[in-house]
Amino acid sequence: MEKQKKSGSKRVEGNVSHMEFEEGQEASDRISYSEKVRINIGDYEHREVFFGYSIKIKDDEKLEDAEKRAVIPVRKRVKAFEKRIRRQVKHLVDFDTMAKLGE
């Protein structure tokens, strides 16, 4: 499953991966999720945050439930780092350009 979301000056990409097996083959017991956020800070500069996480699928667990367990900690870490970066570069970013142009 691959997701992409564009929102303002932020680009989010997320990937959940697991292996599909044909009948008779062993099933994968792990699932991995990774997410990358690219934050535009202006003046042709950006910062990127990337985290990945891999978990063992429990014997009686549905794949969708395992995906949720992998996604949640990654999203928390990415959001925390994104907030930290945005606070650090707040003085570099000009969010009021349109207001200054009178539009």
PDB file of N, CA and C in Angstrom:
ATOM      1  N   MET A   1       0.856  -1.167   0.000  1.00  0.00           N
ATOM      2  CA  MET A   1       0.000   0.000   0.000  1.00  0.00           C
ATOM      3  C   MET A   1       0.901   1.229   0.000  1.00  0.00           C
ATOM      4  N   GLU A   2       0.682   2.134  -0.909  1.00  0.00           N
ATOM      5  CA  GLU A   2       1.490   3.348  -0.966  1.00  0.00           C
ATOM      6  C   GLU A   2       0.555   4.542  -0.902  1.00  0.00           C
ATOM      7  N   LYS A   3       0.912   5.512  -0.077  1.00  0.00           N
ATOM      8  CA  LYS A   3       0.083   6.698   0.092  1.00  0.00           C
ATOM      9  C   LYS A   3       0.923   7.921  -0.176  1.00  0.00           C
ATOM     10  N   GLN A   4       0.320   8.927  -0.786  1.00  0.00           N
ATOM     11  CA  GLN A   4       0.970  10.217  -0.946  1.00  0.00           C
ATOM     12  C   GLN A   4      -0.055  11.286  -0.654  1.00  0.00           C
ATOM     13  N   LYS A   5       0.396  12.339   0.014  1.00  0.00           N
ATOM     14  CA  LYS A   5      -0.489  13.441   0.350  1.00  0.00           C
ATOM     15  C   LYS A   5       0.300  14.721   0.188  1.00  0.00           C
ATOM     16  N   LYS A   6      -0.293  15.687  -0.521  1.00  0.00           N
ATOM     17  CA  LYS A   6       0.351  16.989  -0.629  1.00  0.00           C
ATOM     18  C   LYS A   6      -0.495  17.984   0.153  1.00  0.00           C
ATOM     19  N   SER A   7       0.161  18.793   0.941  1.00  0.00           N
ATOM     20  CA  SER A   7      -0.547  19.771   1.755  1.00  0.00           C
ATOM     21  C   SER A   7       0.357  20.972   1.964  1.00  0.00           C
ATOM     22  N   GLY A   8       0.071  22.071   1.280  1.00  0.00           N
ATOM     23  CA  GLY A   8       0.863  23.280   1.456  1.00  0.00           C
ATOM     24  C   GLY A   8       2.316  23.049   1.121  1.00  0.00           C
ATOM     25  N   SER A   9       3.187  23.271   2.078  1.00  0.00           N
ATOM     26  CA  SER A   9       4.611  23.125   1.843  1.00  0.00           C
ATOM     27  C   SER A   9       5.139  21.811   2.410  1.00  0.00           C
ATOM     28  N   LYS A  10       4.269  20.811   2.507  1.00  0.00           N
ATOM     29  CA  LYS A  10       4.676  19.545   3.096  1.00  0.00           C
ATOM     30  C   LYS A  10       4.283  18.407   2.160  1.00  0.00           C
ATOM     31  N   ARG A  11       5.172  17.464   1.983  1.00  0.00           N
ATOM     32  CA  ARG A  11       4.875  16.292   1.173  1.00  0.00           C
ATOM     33  C   ARG A  11       5.092  15.062   2.030  1.00  0.00           C
ATOM     34  N   VAL A  12       4.085  14.201   2.105  1.00  0.00           N
ATOM     35  CA  VAL A  12       4.158  13.012   2.939  1.00  0.00           C
ATOM     36  C   VAL A  12       4.071  11.783   2.045  1.00  0.00           C
ATOM     37  N   GLU A  13       4.969  10.854   2.257  1.00  0.00           N
ATOM     38  CA  GLU A  13       4.922   9.582   1.557  1.00  0.00           C
ATOM     39  C   GLU A  13       4.973   8.478   2.594  1.00  0.00           C
ATOM     40  N   GLY A  14       4.146   7.476   2.428  1.00  0.00           N
ATOM     41  CA  GLY A  14       4.180   6.343   3.346  1.00  0.00           C
ATOM     42  C   GLY A  14       4.114   5.039   2.592  1.00  0.00           C
ATOM     43  N   ASN A  15       4.802   4.048   3.089  1.00  0.00           N
ATOM     44  CA  ASN A  15       4.819   2.731   2.460  1.00  0.00           C
ATOM     45  C   ASN A  15       4.627   1.646   3.496  1.00  0.00           C
ATOM     46  N   VAL A  16       3.681   0.744   3.225  1.00  0.00           N
ATOM     47  CA  VAL A  16       3.529  -0.459   4.030  1.00  0.00           C
ATOM     48  C   VAL A  16       3.919  -1.607   3.126  1.00  0.00           C
ATOM     49  N   SER A  17       4.812  -2.447   3.590  1.00  0.00           N
ATOM     50  CA  SER A  17       5.223  -3.555   2.729  1.00  0.00           C
ATOM     51  C   SER A  17       5.126  -4.879   3.473  1.00  0.00           C
ATOM     52  N   HIS A  18       4.670  -5.865   2.775  1.00  0.00           N
ATOM     53  CA  HIS A  18       4.684  -7.241   3.248  1.00  0.00           C
ATOM     54  C   HIS A  18       4.783  -8.113   2.002  1.00  0.00           C
ATOM     55  N   MET A  19       5.229  -9.309   2.182  1.00  0.00           N
ATOM     56  CA  MET A  19       5.430 -10.173   1.027  1.00  0.00           C
ATOM     57  C   MET A  19       4.203 -11.039   0.802  1.00  0.00           C
ATOM     58  N   GLU A  20       3.804 -11.145  -0.457  1.00  0.00           N
ATOM     59  CA  GLU A  20       2.706 -12.030  -0.834  1.00  0.00           C
ATOM     60  C   GLU A  20       3.310 -13.361  -1.276  1.00  0.00           C
ATOM     61  N   PHE A  21       2.742 -14.469  -0.823  1.00  0.00           N
ATOM     62  CA  PHE A  21       3.269 -15.779  -1.156  1.00  0.00           C
ATOM     63  C   PHE A  21       2.210 -16.588  -1.879  1.00  0.00           C
ATOM     64  N   GLU A  22       2.650 -17.445  -2.758  1.00  0.00           N
ATOM     65  CA  GLU A  22       1.739 -18.346  -3.449  1.00  0.00           C
ATOM     66  C   GLU A  22       1.393 -19.503  -2.520  1.00  0.00           C
ATOM     67  N   GLU A  23       0.362 -20.267  -2.911  1.00  0.00           N
ATOM     68  CA  GLU A  23      -0.071 -21.396  -2.106  1.00  0.00           C
ATOM     69  C   GLU A  23       1.077 -22.383  -1.910  1.00  0.00           C
ATOM     70  N   GLY A  24       1.258 -22.819  -0.689  1.00  0.00           N
ATOM     71  CA  GLY A  24       2.314 -23.777  -0.390  1.00  0.00           C
ATOM     72  C   GLY A  24       3.593 -23.132   0.122  1.00  0.00           C
ATOM     73  N   GLN A  25       3.734 -21.830  -0.047  1.00  0.00           N
ATOM     74  CA  GLN A  25       4.916 -21.143   0.456  1.00  0.00           C
ATOM     75  C   GLN A  25       4.657 -20.632   1.862  1.00  0.00           C
ATOM     76  N   GLU A  26       5.752 -20.404   2.602  1.00  0.00           N
ATOM     77  CA  GLU A  26       5.616 -19.857   3.948  1.00  0.00           C
ATOM     78  C   GLU A  26       5.198 -18.391   3.878  1.00  0.00           C
ATOM     79  N   ALA A  27       4.366 -17.993   4.817  1.00  0.00           N
ATOM     80  CA  ALA A  27       3.933 -16.597   4.875  1.00  0.00           C
ATOM     81  C   ALA A  27       4.958 -15.768   5.632  1.00  0.00           C
ATOM     82  N   SER A  28       5.048 -14.507   5.284  1.00  0.00           N
ATOM     83  CA  SER A  28       5.949 -13.588   5.974  1.00  0.00           C
ATOM     84  C   SER A  28       5.412 -13.330   7.375  1.00  0.00           C
ATOM     85  N   ASP A  29       6.307 -13.225   8.341  1.00  0.00           N
ATOM     86  CA  ASP A  29       5.868 -12.970   9.703  1.00  0.00           C
ATOM     87  C   ASP A  29       6.190 -11.549  10.148  1.00  0.00           C
ATOM     88  N   ARG A  30       6.610 -10.694   9.208  1.00  0.00           N
ATOM     89  CA  ARG A  30       6.964  -9.309   9.535  1.00  0.00           C
ATOM     90  C   ARG A  30       6.275  -8.363   8.566  1.00  0.00           C
ATOM     91  N   ILE A  31       6.056  -7.139   9.049  1.00  0.00           N
ATOM     92  CA  ILE A  31       5.525  -6.073   8.206  1.00  0.00           C
ATOM     93  C   ILE A  31       6.332  -4.818   8.515  1.00  0.00           C
ATOM     94  N   SER A  32       6.604  -4.031   7.501  1.00  0.00           N
ATOM     95  CA  SER A  32       7.387  -2.806   7.665  1.00  0.00           C
ATOM     96  C   SER A  32       6.592  -1.621   7.148  1.00  0.00           C
ATOM     97  N   TYR A  33       6.796  -0.481   7.802  1.00  0.00           N
ATOM     98  CA  TYR A  33       6.169   0.765   7.362  1.00  0.00           C
ATOM     99  C   TYR A  33       7.221   1.865   7.438  1.00  0.00           C
ATOM    100  N   SER A  34       7.254   2.708   6.419  1.00  0.00           N
ATOM    101  CA  SER A  34       8.155   3.853   6.437  1.00  0.00           C
ATOM    102  C   SER A  34       7.410   5.069   5.915  1.00  0.00           C
ATOM    103  N   GLU A  35       7.848   6.234   6.365  1.00  0.00           N
ATOM    104  CA  GLU A  35       7.210   7.482   5.954  1.00  0.00           C
ATOM    105  C   GLU A  35       8.274   8.560   5.851  1.00  0.00           C
ATOM    106  N   LYS A  36       8.147   9.390   4.815  1.00  0.00           N
ATOM    107  CA  LYS A  36       9.078  10.489   4.605  1.00  0.00           C
ATOM    108  C   LYS A  36       8.276  11.770   4.463  1.00  0.00           C
ATOM    109  N   VAL A  37       8.717  12.823   5.143  1.00  0.00           N
ATOM    110  CA  VAL A  37       8.091  14.135   5.043  1.00  0.00           C
ATOM    111  C   VAL A  37       9.149  15.110   4.551  1.00  0.00           C
ATOM    112  N   ARG A  38       8.811  15.864   3.522  1.00  0.00           N
ATOM    113  CA  ARG A  38       9.707  16.890   2.991  1.00  0.00           C
ATOM    114  C   ARG A  38       9.082  18.237   3.324  1.00  0.00           C
ATOM    115  N   ILE A  39       9.840  19.073   4.044  1.00  0.00           N
ATOM    116  CA  ILE A  39       9.335  20.355   4.520  1.00  0.00           C
ATOM    117  C   ILE A  39      10.067  21.472   3.790  1.00  0.00           C
ATOM    118  N   ASN A  40       9.320  22.246   3.029  1.00  0.00           N
ATOM    119  CA  ASN A  40       9.890  23.374   2.299  1.00  0.00           C
ATOM    120  C   ASN A  40      10.076  24.528   3.271  1.00  0.00           C
ATOM    121  N   ILE A  41      11.320  25.022   3.393  1.00  0.00           N
ATOM    122  CA  ILE A  41      11.582  26.127   4.312  1.00  0.00           C
ATOM    123  C   ILE A  41      11.898  27.413   3.562  1.00  0.00           C
ATOM    124  N   GLY A  42      11.696  27.416   2.266  1.00  0.00           N
ATOM    125  CA  GLY A  42      11.888  28.628   1.472  1.00  0.00           C
ATOM    126  C   GLY A  42      13.311  28.788   0.978  1.00  0.00           C
ATOM    127  N   ASP A  43      13.477  29.735   0.068  1.00  0.00           N
ATOM    128  CA  ASP A  43      14.784  30.057  -0.518  1.00  0.00           C
ATOM    129  C   ASP A  43      15.455  28.799  -1.079  1.00  0.00           C
ATOM    130  N   TYR A  44      14.648  27.966  -1.764  1.00  0.00           N
ATOM    131  CA  TYR A  44      15.127  26.747  -2.426  1.00  0.00           C
ATOM    132  C   TYR A  44      15.760  25.743  -1.456  1.00  0.00           C
ATOM    133  N   GLU A  45      15.317  25.738  -0.233  1.00  0.00           N
ATOM    134  CA  GLU A  45      15.829  24.795   0.760  1.00  0.00           C
ATOM    135  C   GLU A  45      14.684  23.964   1.313  1.00  0.00           C
ATOM    136  N   HIS A  46      15.012  22.791   1.773  1.00  0.00           N
ATOM    137  CA  HIS A  46      14.037  21.925   2.417  1.00  0.00           C
ATOM    138  C   HIS A  46      14.742  21.029   3.428  1.00  0.00           C
ATOM    139  N   ARG A  47      13.940  20.417   4.269  1.00  0.00           N
ATOM    140  CA  ARG A  47      14.419  19.417   5.217  1.00  0.00           C
ATOM    141  C   ARG A  47      13.560  18.181   5.008  1.00  0.00           C
ATOM    142  N   GLU A  48      14.165  17.002   5.177  1.00  0.00           N
ATOM    143  CA  GLU A  48      13.420  15.758   5.056  1.00  0.00           C
ATOM    144  C   GLU A  48      13.554  14.950   6.336  1.00  0.00           C
ATOM    145  N   VAL A  49      12.467  14.308   6.699  1.00  0.00           N
ATOM    146  CA  VAL A  49      12.437  13.418   7.858  1.00  0.00           C
ATOM    147  C   VAL A  49      11.981  12.056   7.349  1.00  0.00           C
ATOM    148  N   PHE A  50      12.697  11.015   7.711  1.00  0.00           N
ATOM    149  CA  PHE A  50      12.350   9.666   7.282  1.00  0.00           C
ATOM    150  C   PHE A  50      12.450   8.716   8.469  1.00  0.00           C
ATOM    151  N   PHE A  51      11.404   7.926   8.671  1.00  0.00           N
ATOM    152  CA  PHE A  51      11.412   6.883   9.696  1.00  0.00           C
ATOM    153  C   PHE A  51      10.820   5.616   9.124  1.00  0.00           C
ATOM    154  N   GLY A  52      11.351   4.492   9.542  1.00  0.00           N
ATOM    155  CA  GLY A  52      10.822   3.198   9.177  1.00  0.00           C
ATOM    156  C   GLY A  52      10.706   2.329  10.410  1.00  0.00           C
ATOM    157  N   TYR A  53       9.779   1.392  10.371  1.00  0.00           N
ATOM    158  CA  TYR A  53       9.540   0.534  11.526  1.00  0.00           C
ATOM    159  C   TYR A  53       9.092  -0.833  11.016  1.00  0.00           C
ATOM    160  N   SER A  54       9.584  -1.877  11.626  1.00  0.00           N
ATOM    161  CA  SER A  54       9.224  -3.231  11.250  1.00  0.00           C
ATOM    162  C   SER A  54       8.737  -3.975  12.485  1.00  0.00           C
ATOM    163  N   ILE A  55       7.652  -4.716  12.331  1.00  0.00           N
ATOM    164  CA  ILE A  55       7.098  -5.463  13.462  1.00  0.00           C
ATOM    165  C   ILE A  55       6.855  -6.914  13.066  1.00  0.00           C
ATOM    166  N   LYS A  56       6.779  -7.750  14.062  1.00  0.00           N
ATOM    167  CA  LYS A  56       6.431  -9.159  13.859  1.00  0.00           C
ATOM    168  C   LYS A  56       4.908  -9.271  13.921  1.00  0.00           C
ATOM    169  N   ILE A  57       4.327  -9.952  12.944  1.00  0.00           N
ATOM    170  CA  ILE A  57       2.876 -10.158  12.926  1.00  0.00           C
ATOM    171  C   ILE A  57       2.547 -11.271  13.915  1.00  0.00           C
ATOM    172  N   LYS A  58       1.595 -11.001  14.791  1.00  0.00           N
ATOM    173  CA  LYS A  58       1.182 -12.003  15.770  1.00  0.00           C
ATOM    174  C   LYS A  58       0.431 -13.131  15.068  1.00  0.00           C
ATOM    175  N   ASP A  59       0.446 -14.314  15.653  1.00  0.00           N
ATOM    176  CA  ASP A  59      -0.154 -15.494  15.024  1.00  0.00           C
ATOM    177  C   ASP A  59      -1.634 -15.310  14.684  1.00  0.00           C
ATOM    178  N   ASP A  60      -2.393 -14.715  15.582  1.00  0.00           N
ATOM    179  CA  ASP A  60      -3.833 -14.580  15.374  1.00  0.00           C
ATOM    180  C   ASP A  60      -4.240 -13.184  14.894  1.00  0.00           C
ATOM    181  N   GLU A  61      -3.300 -12.414  14.393  1.00  0.00           N
ATOM    182  CA  GLU A  61      -3.549 -11.020  14.025  1.00  0.00           C
ATOM    183  C   GLU A  61      -3.867 -10.872  12.537  1.00  0.00           C
ATOM    184  N   LYS A  62      -4.842 -10.011  12.244  1.00  0.00           N
ATOM    185  CA  LYS A  62      -5.159  -9.686  10.854  1.00  0.00           C
ATOM    186  C   LYS A  62      -4.091  -8.741  10.321  1.00  0.00           C
ATOM    187  N   LEU A  63      -3.869  -8.782   9.014  1.00  0.00           N
ATOM    188  CA  LEU A  63      -2.863  -7.947   8.384  1.00  0.00           C
ATOM    189  C   LEU A  63      -3.167  -6.456   8.608  1.00  0.00           C
ATOM    190  N   GLU A  64      -4.428  -6.069   8.532  1.00  0.00           N
ATOM    191  CA  GLU A  64      -4.817  -4.671   8.728  1.00  0.00           C
ATOM    192  C   GLU A  64      -4.452  -4.182  10.133  1.00  0.00           C
ATOM    193  N   ASP A  65      -4.627  -5.050  11.126  1.00  0.00           N
ATOM    194  CA  ASP A  65      -4.279  -4.682  12.507  1.00  0.00           C
ATOM    195  C   ASP A  65      -2.770  -4.532  12.677  1.00  0.00           C
ATOM    196  N   ALA A  66      -2.024  -5.401  12.028  1.00  0.00           N
ATOM    197  CA  ALA A  66      -0.559  -5.305  12.080  1.00  0.00           C
ATOM    198  C   ALA A  66      -0.095  -4.018  11.401  1.00  0.00           C
ATOM    199  N   GLU A  67      -0.736  -3.653  10.285  1.00  0.00           N
ATOM    200  CA  GLU A  67      -0.390  -2.403   9.603  1.00  0.00           C
ATOM    201  C   GLU A  67      -0.586  -1.208  10.534  1.00  0.00           C
ATOM    202  N   LYS A  68      -1.683  -1.191  11.252  1.00  0.00           N
ATOM    203  CA  LYS A  68      -1.949  -0.089  12.191  1.00  0.00           C
ATOM    204  C   LYS A  68      -0.870  -0.024  13.266  1.00  0.00           C
ATOM    205  N   ARG A  69      -0.456  -1.188  13.778  1.00  0.00           N
ATOM    206  CA  ARG A  69       0.589  -1.199  14.814  1.00  0.00           C
ATOM    207  C   ARG A  69       1.924  -0.691  14.283  1.00  0.00           C
ATOM    208  N   ALA A  70       2.167  -0.871  12.999  1.00  0.00           N
ATOM    209  CA  ALA A  70       3.412  -0.392  12.407  1.00  0.00           C
ATOM    210  C   ALA A  70       3.332   1.095  12.060  1.00  0.00           C
ATOM    211  N   VAL A  71       2.177   1.558  11.636  1.00  0.00           N
ATOM    212  CA  VAL A  71       2.008   2.938  11.174  1.00  0.00           C
ATOM    213  C   VAL A  71       2.027   3.936  12.330  1.00  0.00           C
ATOM    214  N   ILE A  72       1.352   3.642  13.406  1.00  0.00           N
ATOM    215  CA  ILE A  72       1.163   4.602  14.506  1.00  0.00           C
ATOM    216  C   ILE A  72       2.484   5.131  15.070  1.00  0.00           C
ATOM    217  N   PRO A  73       3.457   4.290  15.449  1.00  0.00           N
ATOM    218  CA  PRO A  73       4.691   4.851  16.015  1.00  0.00           C
ATOM    219  C   PRO A  73       5.501   5.676  15.010  1.00  0.00           C
ATOM    220  N   VAL A  74       5.449   5.287  13.731  1.00  0.00           N
ATOM    221  CA  VAL A  74       6.177   6.049  12.710  1.00  0.00           C
ATOM    222  C   VAL A  74       5.567   7.436  12.557  1.00  0.00           C
ATOM    223  N   ARG A  75       4.257   7.510  12.448  1.00  0.00           N
ATOM    224  CA  ARG A  75       3.601   8.813  12.291  1.00  0.00           C
ATOM    225  C   ARG A  75       3.854   9.726  13.486  1.00  0.00           C
ATOM    226  N   LYS A  76       3.854   9.177  14.693  1.00  0.00           N
ATOM    227  CA  LYS A  76       4.131   9.986  15.887  1.00  0.00           C
ATOM    228  C   LYS A  76       5.528  10.590  15.818  1.00  0.00           C
ATOM    229  N   ARG A  77       6.521   9.782  15.448  1.00  0.00           N
ATOM    230  CA  ARG A  77       7.905  10.271  15.381  1.00  0.00           C
ATOM    231  C   ARG A  77       8.074  11.303  14.267  1.00  0.00           C
ATOM    232  N   VAL A  78       7.490  11.036  13.109  1.00  0.00           N
ATOM    233  CA  VAL A  78       7.621  11.967  11.983  1.00  0.00           C
ATOM    234  C   VAL A  78       6.987  13.308  12.341  1.00  0.00           C
ATOM    235  N   LYS A  79       5.798  13.272  12.936  1.00  0.00           N
ATOM    236  CA  LYS A  79       5.129  14.526  13.318  1.00  0.00           C
ATOM    237  C   LYS A  79       5.929  15.297  14.356  1.00  0.00           C
ATOM    238  N   ALA A  80       6.518  14.593  15.308  1.00  0.00           N
ATOM    239  CA  ALA A  80       7.322  15.257  16.338  1.00  0.00           C
ATOM    240  C   ALA A  80       8.539  15.944  15.714  1.00  0.00           C
ATOM    241  N   PHE A  81       9.221  15.254  14.804  1.00  0.00           N
ATOM    242  CA  PHE A  81      10.375  15.857  14.149  1.00  0.00           C
ATOM    243  C   PHE A  81       9.960  17.005  13.243  1.00  0.00           C
ATOM    244  N   GLU A  82       8.827  16.852  12.556  1.00  0.00           N
ATOM    245  CA  GLU A  82       8.340  17.927  11.692  1.00  0.00           C
ATOM    246  C   GLU A  82       8.065  19.195  12.505  1.00  0.00           C
ATOM    247  N   LYS A  83       7.431  19.046  13.655  1.00  0.00           N
ATOM    248  CA  LYS A  83       7.167  20.203  14.521  1.00  0.00           C
ATOM    249  C   LYS A  83       8.460  20.867  14.961  1.00  0.00           C
ATOM    250  N   ARG A  84       9.432  20.047  15.339  1.00  0.00           N
ATOM    251  CA  ARG A  84      10.715  20.591  15.775  1.00  0.00           C
ATOM    252  C   ARG A  84      11.387  21.373  14.648  1.00  0.00           C
ATOM    253  N   ILE A  85      11.385  20.820  13.452  1.00  0.00           N
ATOM    254  CA  ILE A  85      11.997  21.505  12.306  1.00  0.00           C
ATOM    255  C   ILE A  85      11.270  22.804  12.008  1.00  0.00           C
ATOM    256  N   ARG A  86       9.948  22.773  11.992  1.00  0.00           N
ATOM    257  CA  ARG A  86       9.175  23.990  11.694  1.00  0.00           C
ATOM    258  C   ARG A  86       9.434  25.083  12.731  1.00  0.00           C
ATOM    259  N   ARG A  87       9.589  24.710  14.003  1.00  0.00           N
ATOM    260  CA  ARG A  87       9.911  25.713  15.030  1.00  0.00           C
ATOM    261  C   ARG A  87      11.306  26.290  14.803  1.00  0.00           C
ATOM    262  N   GLN A  88      12.260  25.433  14.442  1.00  0.00           N
ATOM    263  CA  GLN A  88      13.638  25.883  14.244  1.00  0.00           C
ATOM    264  C   GLN A  88      13.786  26.823  13.058  1.00  0.00           C
ATOM    265  N   VAL A  89      12.985  26.637  12.013  1.00  0.00           N
ATOM    266  CA  VAL A  89      13.147  27.433  10.794  1.00  0.00           C
ATOM    267  C   VAL A  89      12.036  28.461  10.620  1.00  0.00           C
ATOM    268  N   LYS A  90      11.268  28.680  11.661  1.00  0.00           N
ATOM    269  CA  LYS A  90      10.131  29.601  11.581  1.00  0.00           C
ATOM    270  C   LYS A  90      10.557  30.978  11.078  1.00  0.00           C
ATOM    271  N   HIS A  91      11.714  31.448  11.488  1.00  0.00           N
ATOM    272  CA  HIS A  91      12.177  32.776  11.085  1.00  0.00           C
ATOM    273  C   HIS A  91      12.600  32.815   9.619  1.00  0.00           C
ATOM    274  N   LEU A  92      12.829  31.655   8.997  1.00  0.00           N
ATOM    275  CA  LEU A  92      13.245  31.616   7.590  1.00  0.00           C
ATOM    276  C   LEU A  92      12.071  31.611   6.624  1.00  0.00           C
ATOM    277  N   VAL A  93      10.914  31.165   7.069  1.00  0.00           N
ATOM    278  CA  VAL A  93       9.770  30.970   6.188  1.00  0.00           C
ATOM    279  C   VAL A  93       8.884  32.196   6.185  1.00  0.00           C
ATOM    280  N   ASP A  94       8.483  32.620   4.989  1.00  0.00           N
ATOM    281  CA  ASP A  94       7.618  33.786   4.832  1.00  0.00           C
ATOM    282  C   ASP A  94       6.225  33.290   4.450  1.00  0.00           C
ATOM    283  N   PHE A  95       5.319  33.189   5.427  1.00  0.00           N
ATOM    284  CA  PHE A  95       3.980  32.686   5.168  1.00  0.00           C
ATOM    285  C   PHE A  95       3.020  33.784   4.697  1.00  0.00           C
ATOM    286  N   ASP A  96       3.396  35.043   4.817  1.00  0.00           N
ATOM    287  CA  ASP A  96       2.479  36.151   4.527  1.00  0.00           C
ATOM    288  C   ASP A  96       2.772  36.828   3.193  1.00  0.00           C
ATOM    289  N   THR A  97       3.337  36.113   2.243  1.00  0.00           N
ATOM    290  CA  THR A  97       3.706  36.722   0.974  1.00  0.00           C
ATOM    291  C   THR A  97       2.505  37.316   0.259  1.00  0.00           C
ATOM    292  N   MET A  98       1.406  36.583   0.170  1.00  0.00           N
ATOM    293  CA  MET A  98       0.221  37.077  -0.541  1.00  0.00           C
ATOM    294  C   MET A  98      -0.336  38.326   0.142  1.00  0.00           C
ATOM    295  N   ALA A  99      -0.344  38.374   1.465  1.00  0.00           N
ATOM    296  CA  ALA A  99      -0.842  39.556   2.180  1.00  0.00           C
ATOM    297  C   ALA A  99       0.053  40.765   1.905  1.00  0.00           C
ATOM    298  N   LYS A 100       1.345  40.565   1.807  1.00  0.00           N
ATOM    299  CA  LYS A 100       2.260  41.656   1.541  1.00  0.00           C
ATOM    300  C   LYS A 100       2.108  42.195   0.116  1.00  0.00           C
ATOM    301  N   LEU A 101       1.673  41.321  -0.798  1.00  0.00           N
ATOM    302  CA  LEU A 101       1.442  41.746  -2.183  1.00  0.00           C
ATOM    303  C   LEU A 101       0.088  42.426  -2.352  1.00  0.00           C
ATOM    304  N   GLY A 102      -0.748  42.395  -1.324  1.00  0.00           N
ATOM    305  CA  GLY A 102      -2.059  43.040  -1.382  1.00  0.00           C
ATOM    306  C   GLY A 102      -3.115  42.185  -2.049  1.00  0.00           C
ATOM    307  N   GLU A 103      -2.894  40.877  -2.109  1.00  0.00           N
ATOM    308  CA  GLU A 103      -3.866  39.989  -2.743  1.00  0.00           C
ATOM    309  C   GLU A 103      -4.618  39.194  -1.731  1.00  0.00           C
TER     310      GLU A 103
END
